[in-house]
Amino acid sequence: MKLYYAPGACSLAPHIALREAGRTFDLERVDLGTHRTASGRDFLEINPKGYVPVLELGVGGETLTEAQVLLQYIADLAPEATLIPVTGTFARYHALEWLAFISTELHEQFGPLFAPGTPQAVISAQRGKIGDRLLYLSDVLGTRGYLMGEHFTVCDAYLFVMLQWCGKFGIDLALWPNLDDYETRLEQRPAVQAAMTAEGLHGRHHWVKRSA
């Protein structure tokens, strides 16, 4: 398998998941400005949508895109790691609910903030929307260890990346102490540390110029 990524982009979530799952994989960096990969390939030939992540499966040239889909696929590759509940259970649907929430209510809200030339009024409105979602997450987490309870899942990998993006846009997680603590705890996981090191990320709050 090969994961096409940009440092600190949402591709960091499946990168973390691959390491949590103990899978063997290759990494190839993508320049989202030039749409060239580290090996010189035209990334648009790999993913015409033009953004990461892409997981190349090495089976008949199959690829998968979209972070929440990759996270489910990777989790199902390693059921022993229990990175997502078993298919068909109600807990599985709750995990899918979280992945959809993170994708639409957080990830999507950051889009205008990353786009050059976004008016300040729009940026302020988006920050407010993100803050509302973070307040909801803070209430839900309460004293839980992780989104699904006391066990790390791919939902946490995805949310971790969203929390990493907050610093760039003046969204101070100290306003929600349990979220701040949650991010810190996630960053201390060996798989998270390994993924961040491999992507050249050090410390908190990393981002890319134009993220997926």
Protein backbone atom coordinates (compact mmCIF):
# COMPACT_ATOMS: atom_id res chain seq x y z
CA MET A 1 0.00 0.00 0.00
CA LYS A 2 1.03 3.58 -0.56
CA LEU A 3 -0.41 6.67 1.11
CA TYR A 4 -0.19 9.94 -0.78
CA TYR A 5 -0.07 12.75 1.77
CA ALA A 6 0.73 16.39 2.39
CA PRO A 7 2.33 17.21 5.76
CA GLY A 8 -0.27 18.11 8.35
CA ALA A 9 -3.20 17.72 5.95
CA CYS A 10 -6.18 15.52 6.70
CA SER A 11 -4.10 12.67 5.25
CA LEU A 12 -2.40 12.63 8.66
CA ALA A 13 -5.48 10.83 10.02
CA PRO A 14 -5.20 7.70 7.81
CA HIS A 15 -1.42 7.89 8.26
CA ILE A 16 -1.94 7.58 12.02
CA ALA A 17 -4.50 4.81 11.47
CA LEU A 18 -2.08 2.80 9.34
CA ARG A 19 0.49 2.92 12.13
CA GLU A 20 -2.10 2.11 14.81
CA ALA A 21 -3.14 -0.87 12.67
CA GLY A 22 0.46 -2.06 12.35
CA ARG A 23 0.31 -2.09 8.56
CA THR A 24 3.29 -1.97 6.21
CA PHE A 25 2.97 0.89 3.74
CA ASP A 26 4.88 3.44 1.69
CA LEU A 27 4.49 7.20 1.87
CA GLU A 28 4.67 9.65 -1.00
CA ARG A 29 4.51 13.36 -0.38
CA VAL A 30 2.34 15.56 -2.59
CA ASP A 31 2.86 19.25 -3.28
CA LEU A 32 -0.72 20.55 -3.32
CA GLY A 33 0.39 23.74 -5.05
CA THR A 34 2.05 22.12 -8.06
CA HIS A 35 0.15 18.81 -7.91
CA ARG A 36 3.41 16.92 -8.22
CA THR A 37 4.40 13.98 -6.08
CA ALA A 38 7.85 13.55 -4.57
CA SER A 39 8.71 11.13 -7.39
CA GLY A 40 7.67 13.68 -10.01
CA ARG A 41 4.32 12.17 -10.99
CA ASP A 42 1.34 14.32 -11.92
CA PHE A 43 -0.88 13.89 -8.88
CA LEU A 44 -3.98 14.72 -10.92
CA GLU A 45 -3.45 11.45 -12.79
CA ILE A 46 -3.65 9.66 -9.44
CA ASN A 47 -6.55 11.66 -8.05
CA PRO A 48 -8.29 14.03 -10.49
CA LYS A 49 -9.94 15.70 -7.49
CA GLY A 50 -6.52 17.12 -6.72
CA TYR A 51 -6.34 16.56 -2.99
CA VAL A 52 -5.04 14.09 -0.44
CA PRO A 53 -5.37 11.51 0.97
CA VAL A 54 -5.13 8.77 -1.60
CA LEU A 55 -4.46 5.17 -0.63
CA GLU A 56 -3.02 3.08 -3.45
CA LEU A 57 -3.83 -0.54 -2.72
CA GLY A 58 -1.49 -2.23 -5.18
CA VAL A 59 -4.25 -4.58 -6.33
CA GLY A 60 -5.16 -3.97 -9.96
CA GLY A 61 -4.30 -0.30 -9.58
CA GLU A 62 -7.14 0.27 -7.11
CA THR A 63 -7.14 3.50 -5.11
CA LEU A 64 -9.33 4.94 -2.39
CA THR A 65 -9.88 8.61 -1.59
CA GLU A 66 -11.66 10.65 1.11
CA ALA A 67 -10.32 10.55 4.66
CA GLN A 68 -13.35 9.01 6.34
CA VAL A 69 -13.46 6.16 3.80
CA LEU A 70 -9.75 5.42 4.18
CA LEU A 71 -10.15 5.36 7.95
CA GLN A 72 -12.90 2.74 7.76
CA TYR A 73 -10.94 0.63 5.26
CA ILE A 74 -7.75 0.70 7.32
CA ALA A 75 -9.61 -0.13 10.53
CA ASP A 76 -11.24 -3.14 8.86
CA LEU A 77 -7.84 -4.39 7.69
CA ALA A 78 -6.80 -4.93 11.30
CA PRO A 79 -9.83 -5.99 13.34
CA GLU A 80 -7.53 -7.11 16.15
CA ALA A 81 -6.57 -3.44 16.70
CA THR A 82 -10.26 -2.59 17.32
CA LEU A 83 -9.93 0.78 15.61
CA ILE A 84 -13.63 0.72 14.70
CA PRO A 85 -16.56 -1.38 15.96
CA VAL A 86 -17.58 -4.48 14.03
CA THR A 87 -19.74 -4.00 10.92
CA GLY A 88 -23.45 -4.45 11.59
CA THR A 89 -23.33 -3.40 15.23
CA PHE A 90 -25.01 -0.26 16.47
CA ALA A 91 -21.65 0.91 17.79
CA ARG A 92 -20.36 0.81 14.19
CA TYR A 93 -23.11 3.20 13.13
CA HIS A 94 -22.17 5.53 15.97
CA ALA A 95 -18.57 5.49 14.71
CA LEU A 96 -19.79 6.35 11.20
CA GLU A 97 -21.87 9.11 12.75
CA TRP A 98 -18.72 10.58 14.31
CA LEU A 99 -16.73 10.32 11.09
CA ALA A 100 -19.50 12.11 9.21
CA PHE A 101 -19.73 14.81 11.88
CA ILE A 102 -15.99 15.45 11.82
CA SER A 103 -15.97 15.51 8.01
CA THR A 104 -18.91 17.86 7.52
CA GLU A 105 -19.09 19.91 10.70
CA LEU A 106 -15.36 20.46 11.28
CA HIS A 107 -13.24 19.52 8.26
CA GLU A 108 -15.54 21.30 5.80
CA GLN A 109 -15.70 24.40 7.99
CA PHE A 110 -11.93 24.86 7.77
CA GLY A 111 -11.99 25.03 3.95
CA PRO A 112 -12.60 28.79 3.63
CA LEU A 113 -9.93 29.46 6.26
CA PHE A 114 -7.27 27.73 4.18
CA ALA A 115 -8.36 29.41 0.93
CA PRO A 116 -6.30 32.49 0.05
CA GLY A 117 -8.25 35.73 -0.17
CA THR A 118 -11.16 34.69 2.03
CA PRO A 119 -12.74 37.89 3.44
CA GLN A 120 -12.12 38.51 7.13
CA ALA A 121 -15.85 38.49 7.85
CA VAL A 122 -16.12 34.97 6.44
CA ILE A 123 -13.08 33.85 8.43
CA SER A 124 -14.64 35.19 11.63
CA ALA A 125 -17.94 33.46 10.88
CA GLN A 126 -16.19 30.16 10.17
CA ARG A 127 -14.17 30.38 13.37
CA GLY A 128 -17.43 30.91 15.23
CA LYS A 129 -18.98 27.83 13.64
CA ILE A 130 -15.93 25.76 14.51
CA GLY A 131 -16.06 27.07 18.06
CA ASP A 132 -19.69 25.95 18.36
CA ARG A 133 -18.72 22.44 17.22
CA LEU A 134 -15.83 22.35 19.66
CA LEU A 135 -18.17 23.30 22.49
CA TYR A 136 -20.43 20.41 21.51
CA LEU A 137 -17.45 18.03 21.42
CA SER A 138 -16.27 19.26 24.78
CA ASP A 139 -19.69 18.54 26.29
CA VAL A 140 -19.87 15.09 24.70
CA LEU A 141 -16.37 14.07 25.72
CA GLY A 142 -16.95 15.15 29.29
CA THR A 143 -14.66 12.86 31.23
CA ARG A 144 -14.47 10.22 28.48
CA GLY A 145 -11.07 9.14 27.31
CA TYR A 146 -12.05 9.03 23.62
CA LEU A 147 -14.97 9.78 21.32
CA MET A 148 -16.32 6.23 21.47
CA GLY A 149 -15.70 5.83 25.20
CA GLU A 150 -12.49 4.55 26.74
CA HIS A 151 -10.93 3.08 23.59
CA PHE A 152 -9.06 4.85 20.80
CA THR A 153 -10.64 4.55 17.34
CA VAL A 154 -10.09 6.07 13.89
CA CYS A 155 -12.62 8.74 14.89
CA ASP A 156 -10.03 10.07 17.32
CA ALA A 157 -7.33 10.06 14.64
CA TYR A 158 -9.52 12.27 12.45
CA LEU A 159 -10.52 14.63 15.26
CA PHE A 160 -6.87 14.96 16.33
CA VAL A 161 -5.97 16.48 12.95
CA MET A 162 -8.85 18.94 13.17
CA LEU A 163 -7.68 20.05 16.62
CA GLN A 164 -4.16 20.48 15.26
CA TRP A 165 -5.53 22.97 12.74
CA CYS A 166 -7.10 25.20 15.37
CA GLY A 167 -3.94 27.06 16.37
CA LYS A 168 -3.40 28.62 12.94
CA PHE A 169 -6.78 30.31 13.05
CA GLY A 170 -6.67 31.67 16.58
CA ILE A 171 -8.97 29.03 18.02
CA ASP A 172 -7.50 28.46 21.47
CA LEU A 173 -8.29 25.00 22.79
CA ALA A 174 -7.60 26.26 26.30
CA LEU A 175 -11.20 27.52 26.15
CA TRP A 176 -12.20 23.84 26.32
CA PRO A 177 -9.74 22.29 28.81
CA ASN A 178 -10.85 18.69 28.27
CA LEU A 179 -10.34 19.05 24.49
CA ASP A 180 -6.93 20.59 25.10
CA ASP A 181 -6.02 17.65 27.33
CA TYR A 182 -7.48 15.18 24.83
CA GLU A 183 -5.32 16.56 22.01
CA THR A 184 -2.23 16.40 24.20
CA ARG A 185 -2.93 12.79 25.16
CA LEU A 186 -3.49 11.77 21.55
CA GLU A 187 -0.26 13.43 20.48
CA GLN A 188 1.61 11.28 22.99
CA ARG A 189 0.50 8.02 21.36
CA PRO A 190 3.43 6.23 19.69
CA ALA A 191 1.61 5.93 16.35
CA VAL A 192 0.79 9.63 16.35
CA GLN A 193 4.37 10.53 17.23
CA ALA A 194 5.70 8.27 14.48
CA ALA A 195 3.33 9.70 11.86
CA MET A 196 4.16 13.27 12.77
CA THR A 197 7.89 12.57 12.72
CA ALA A 198 7.60 10.91 9.30
CA GLU A 199 5.79 13.99 7.97
CA GLY A 200 8.34 16.37 9.48
CA LEU A 201 5.91 17.77 12.05
CA HIS A 202 7.13 18.74 15.48
CA GLY A 203 5.05 20.08 18.35
CA ARG A 204 1.44 21.18 18.22
CA HIS A 205 -0.71 22.84 15.58
CA HIS A 206 0.69 22.06 12.17
CA TRP A 207 -0.99 22.77 8.87
CA VAL A 208 -0.40 22.97 5.16
CA LYS A 209 -0.84 25.99 2.89
CA ARG A 210 -3.86 24.43 1.22
CA SER A 211 -5.21 21.36 2.91
CA ALA A 212 -7.72 18.79 1.74
